[in-house]
Amino acid sequence: MTRAQPTTDALRTLAASRPKVVLTSSSDRAAEVVREQIVDGIFRPGARLPEEPIADALGISRNTLREALSQLVAERILERIPHRGVFVRVPTAEDVRDIYRARRVIEPGCLRALADTDGYDASAVVDAVRAGEKALGAGDGDAVASANQRFHRAVVALGGSTRLDAEMSLLLAEMRLVFFCAGEARDFHAPYVPMNREIADLLAAGRAADAADTLARYLVVAEGDLLSAFDA
């Protein structure tokens, strides 16, 4: 796979986030900004992240950026290749299997836990589904993929755990890399838009346990579809 350099547009997008990083002067915040760019598809698998232009775009020192990049390497979002630099990771089939092991525990688990609560607000899940349906109707594959990310993030948010929210953010960043390697976003995500609708409707009807069971089956199917794309 070609190791691409960040484009001028990608660096401009980072520069737009500069105030957030400068105000905190934090490698954690810098890592968050770079992670967001990866999730949003600004940096794709195989892209090289040169330190100097990225540090300049964010308005931070190279040492702070190195700390941020090292954090993302530890999160398996980036990889450091000796004598060559830091690159966005190209995920493998085994990465897909491991990510889905985690997702099958976290996502249905968050929905099953709703049975022990006094009520829940599924509006964020429903809104994400509507955004996906609108994007699919417009033929915007990238927007369908982004809405799908929002849907799964909103599902985990129903669990009410900041730790699970943080873990899901990491998994979704890895998932975006997986999706980039699986082919056209619209082709892959389109069949899951009605599945997301089914889960959202179950949640809106107060049937969280049924929604959890449906999501568990959905994740098994999605893993199989992705592995087929990797093996193709």
Protein backbone atom coordinates (compact mmCIF):
# COMPACT_ATOMS: atom_id res chain seq x y z
CA MET A 1 0.00 0.00 0.00
CA THR A 2 1.31 3.48 -0.87
CA ARG A 3 2.51 5.48 2.11
CA ALA A 4 0.86 8.83 1.50
CA GLN A 5 1.91 12.18 2.94
CA PRO A 6 -0.69 14.41 4.63
CA THR A 7 -2.29 16.74 2.15
CA THR A 8 -2.45 20.50 2.52
CA ASP A 9 -6.15 20.13 3.41
CA ALA A 10 -5.30 17.64 6.17
CA LEU A 11 -2.74 20.02 7.69
CA ARG A 12 -5.23 22.87 7.39
CA THR A 13 -7.77 20.79 9.31
CA LEU A 14 -5.23 20.20 12.06
CA ALA A 15 -4.43 23.90 12.17
CA ALA A 16 -8.13 24.63 12.74
CA SER A 17 -7.89 22.55 15.93
CA ARG A 18 -4.82 24.44 17.11
CA PRO A 19 -6.65 26.60 19.71
CA LYS A 20 -7.87 23.47 21.51
CA VAL A 21 -4.35 22.13 21.79
CA VAL A 22 -2.66 25.41 22.64
CA LEU A 23 -5.14 26.19 25.41
CA THR A 24 -4.42 22.90 27.18
CA SER A 25 -0.79 22.49 26.11
CA SER A 26 -1.38 18.78 26.54
CA SER A 27 -0.10 15.77 24.67
CA ASP A 28 -3.38 14.06 25.58
CA ARG A 29 -5.34 16.77 23.81
CA ALA A 30 -3.01 16.63 20.80
CA ALA A 31 -3.54 12.87 20.66
CA GLU A 32 -7.28 13.41 20.79
CA VAL A 33 -7.17 15.86 17.88
CA VAL A 34 -5.05 13.54 15.70
CA ARG A 35 -7.32 10.62 16.65
CA GLU A 36 -10.36 12.65 15.58
CA GLN A 37 -8.76 13.34 12.20
CA ILE A 38 -8.23 9.60 11.72
CA VAL A 39 -11.82 8.80 12.71
CA ASP A 40 -13.06 11.49 10.30
CA GLY A 41 -10.97 10.02 7.49
CA ILE A 42 -8.54 12.92 7.16
CA PHE A 43 -5.63 10.54 7.67
CA ARG A 44 -6.06 7.12 6.02
CA PRO A 45 -4.31 3.79 6.65
CA GLY A 46 -0.71 3.92 5.48
CA ALA A 47 -0.42 7.71 5.74
CA ARG A 48 2.88 8.99 7.14
CA LEU A 49 2.61 11.64 9.88
CA PRO A 50 5.66 13.92 9.65
CA GLU A 51 6.37 15.54 12.99
CA GLU A 52 7.44 19.04 12.02
CA PRO A 53 4.48 20.15 9.84
CA ILE A 54 1.96 18.53 12.21
CA ALA A 55 3.52 20.13 15.29
CA ASP A 56 3.53 23.49 13.50
CA ALA A 57 -0.11 23.06 12.44
CA LEU A 58 -1.15 22.35 16.03
CA GLY A 59 1.10 25.01 17.51
CA ILE A 60 2.88 22.61 19.87
CA SER A 61 6.45 21.47 20.36
CA ARG A 62 7.75 18.37 18.61
CA ASN A 63 8.34 16.78 22.01
CA THR A 64 4.67 17.23 22.90
CA LEU A 65 3.65 15.82 19.54
CA ARG A 66 5.96 12.83 20.01
CA GLU A 67 4.24 12.08 23.31
CA ALA A 68 0.87 12.30 21.58
CA LEU A 69 1.95 10.04 18.73
CA SER A 70 3.42 7.53 21.18
CA GLN A 71 0.05 7.40 22.92
CA LEU A 72 -1.67 6.65 19.61
CA VAL A 73 0.91 3.97 18.84
CA ALA A 74 0.03 2.35 22.18
CA GLU A 75 -3.64 2.51 21.17
CA ARG A 76 -2.80 0.60 17.96
CA ILE A 77 -4.01 3.47 15.80
CA LEU A 78 -0.52 4.41 14.63
CA GLU A 79 2.67 2.42 14.13
CA ARG A 80 6.28 3.54 14.39
CA ILE A 81 8.59 2.09 11.73
CA PRO A 82 12.30 2.39 12.60
CA HIS A 83 14.21 4.86 10.42
CA ARG A 84 11.03 5.75 8.51
CA GLY A 85 8.66 7.48 10.93
CA VAL A 86 5.12 7.17 12.25
CA PHE A 87 2.29 5.91 10.06
CA VAL A 88 -1.43 5.31 10.40
CA ARG A 89 -1.79 1.56 10.96
CA VAL A 90 -3.08 -0.74 8.28
CA PRO A 91 -5.27 -3.19 10.23
CA THR A 92 -5.20 -6.96 9.77
CA ALA A 93 -7.87 -9.67 9.86
CA GLU A 94 -6.76 -10.55 13.40
CA ASP A 95 -7.33 -6.93 14.41
CA VAL A 96 -10.91 -7.26 13.11
CA ARG A 97 -11.48 -10.43 15.17
CA ASP A 98 -10.14 -8.86 18.35
CA ILE A 99 -12.07 -5.60 17.91
CA TYR A 100 -15.32 -7.50 17.48
CA ARG A 101 -14.61 -9.65 20.55
CA ALA A 102 -14.55 -6.42 22.52
CA ARG A 103 -17.56 -4.93 20.77
CA ARG A 104 -19.72 -7.99 21.41
CA VAL A 105 -19.06 -7.59 25.12
CA ILE A 106 -19.43 -3.83 25.36
CA GLU A 107 -22.29 -2.82 23.07
CA PRO A 108 -24.97 -5.44 23.82
CA GLY A 109 -23.89 -5.29 27.47
CA CYS A 110 -24.68 -1.59 27.64
CA LEU A 111 -28.18 -2.25 26.31
CA ARG A 112 -28.84 -5.18 28.62
CA ALA A 113 -27.87 -3.02 31.59
CA LEU A 114 -30.75 -0.67 30.76
CA ALA A 115 -33.17 -3.19 32.27
CA ASP A 116 -31.82 -2.19 35.69
CA THR A 117 -32.44 1.53 35.16
CA ASP A 118 -35.50 3.69 35.72
CA GLY A 119 -35.57 4.76 32.09
CA TYR A 120 -33.31 5.97 29.34
CA ASP A 121 -33.18 8.50 26.55
CA ALA A 122 -32.56 6.84 23.17
CA SER A 123 -32.87 10.09 21.19
CA ALA A 124 -29.14 10.18 20.28
CA VAL A 125 -29.40 6.67 18.86
CA VAL A 126 -32.52 7.60 16.86
CA ASP A 127 -30.89 10.81 15.60
CA ALA A 128 -27.84 8.86 14.37
CA VAL A 129 -30.10 6.44 12.50
CA ARG A 130 -31.95 9.32 10.83
CA ALA A 131 -28.64 10.85 9.79
CA GLY A 132 -27.57 7.52 8.28
CA GLU A 133 -30.83 7.15 6.38
CA LYS A 134 -30.55 10.69 5.03
CA ALA A 135 -26.93 10.13 3.95
CA LEU A 136 -27.82 6.83 2.30
CA GLY A 137 -30.61 8.50 0.37
CA ALA A 138 -28.14 11.15 -0.80
CA GLY A 139 -25.61 8.52 -1.84
CA ASP A 140 -22.99 9.92 0.54
CA GLY A 141 -21.02 6.88 1.68
CA ASP A 142 -18.66 8.75 3.99
CA ALA A 143 -21.61 10.38 5.77
CA VAL A 144 -23.28 6.96 6.13
CA ALA A 145 -20.09 5.67 7.75
CA SER A 146 -19.91 8.68 10.09
CA ALA A 147 -23.55 8.23 11.10
CA ASN A 148 -22.85 4.57 11.82
CA GLN A 149 -20.01 5.61 14.13
CA ARG A 150 -22.38 7.99 15.91
CA PHE A 151 -24.96 5.22 16.26
CA HIS A 152 -22.58 2.82 17.99
CA ARG A 153 -21.13 5.58 20.16
CA ALA A 154 -24.65 6.53 21.25
CA VAL A 155 -25.46 2.90 22.07
CA VAL A 156 -22.49 2.69 24.43
CA ALA A 157 -23.30 6.10 25.91
CA LEU A 158 -26.56 4.58 27.17
CA GLY A 159 -24.40 2.52 29.53
CA GLY A 160 -23.62 5.69 31.48
CA SER A 161 -19.93 4.89 31.93
CA THR A 162 -17.22 7.39 31.02
CA ARG A 163 -14.70 4.53 30.97
CA LEU A 164 -16.76 2.59 28.45
CA ASP A 165 -17.23 5.76 26.40
CA ALA A 166 -13.44 6.22 26.31
CA GLU A 167 -12.85 2.59 25.33
CA MET A 168 -15.47 2.83 22.60
CA SER A 169 -13.76 5.92 21.19
CA LEU A 170 -10.57 3.90 20.79
CA LEU A 171 -12.41 0.97 19.21
CA LEU A 172 -14.24 3.23 16.78
CA ALA A 173 -10.97 4.86 15.72
CA GLU A 174 -9.61 1.40 14.92
CA MET A 175 -12.88 0.50 13.21
CA ARG A 176 -12.62 3.48 10.90
CA LEU A 177 -9.24 2.18 9.74
CA VAL A 178 -10.79 -1.25 9.20
CA PHE A 179 -13.60 0.24 7.12
CA PHE A 180 -11.15 2.16 4.94
CA CYS A 181 -9.51 -1.16 4.08
CA ALA A 182 -12.82 -2.94 3.40
CA GLY A 183 -13.82 -1.08 0.23
CA GLU A 184 -16.36 1.60 -0.60
CA ALA A 185 -18.06 2.96 2.53
CA ARG A 186 -21.52 3.07 0.97
CA ASP A 187 -21.31 -0.53 -0.26
CA PHE A 188 -20.34 -1.84 3.15
CA HIS A 189 -22.56 0.30 5.39
CA ALA A 190 -25.76 0.43 3.34
CA PRO A 191 -27.14 -2.96 4.53
CA TYR A 192 -26.64 -1.95 8.16
CA VAL A 193 -28.73 1.22 8.01
CA PRO A 194 -32.04 -0.70 8.32
CA MET A 195 -30.49 -2.87 11.05
CA ASN A 196 -29.61 0.28 12.98
CA ARG A 197 -33.21 1.42 12.51
CA GLU A 198 -34.52 -1.88 13.92
CA ILE A 199 -32.37 -1.50 17.05
CA ALA A 200 -33.34 2.15 17.50
CA ASP A 201 -37.04 1.30 17.18
CA LEU A 202 -36.71 -1.46 19.79
CA LEU A 203 -35.01 0.96 22.17
CA ALA A 204 -37.64 3.63 21.56
CA ALA A 205 -40.31 1.04 22.39
CA GLY A 206 -38.62 0.22 25.71
CA ARG A 207 -37.44 -3.20 24.52
CA ALA A 208 -33.79 -2.86 25.48
CA ALA A 209 -33.22 -6.61 25.98
CA ASP A 210 -34.51 -7.36 22.47
CA ALA A 211 -32.35 -4.54 21.11
CA ALA A 212 -29.32 -6.09 22.82
CA ASP A 213 -30.00 -9.51 21.30
CA THR A 214 -30.49 -7.97 17.86
CA LEU A 215 -27.25 -6.00 18.17
CA ALA A 216 -25.32 -9.11 19.26
CA ARG A 217 -26.43 -10.95 16.11
CA TYR A 218 -25.69 -7.84 14.00
CA LEU A 219 -22.09 -7.70 15.23
CA VAL A 220 -21.52 -11.34 14.31
CA VAL A 221 -22.75 -10.66 10.78
CA ALA A 222 -20.68 -7.47 10.49
CA GLU A 223 -17.51 -9.25 11.58
CA GLY A 224 -18.07 -11.95 8.97
CA ASP A 225 -18.65 -9.39 6.25
CA LEU A 226 -15.46 -7.53 7.12
CA LEU A 227 -13.37 -10.69 7.28
CA SER A 228 -14.68 -11.66 3.85
CA ALA A 229 -13.50 -8.30 2.53
CA PHE A 230 -10.05 -8.80 4.09
CA ASP A 231 -9.77 -12.30 2.63
CA ALA A 232 -10.91 -11.24 -0.82
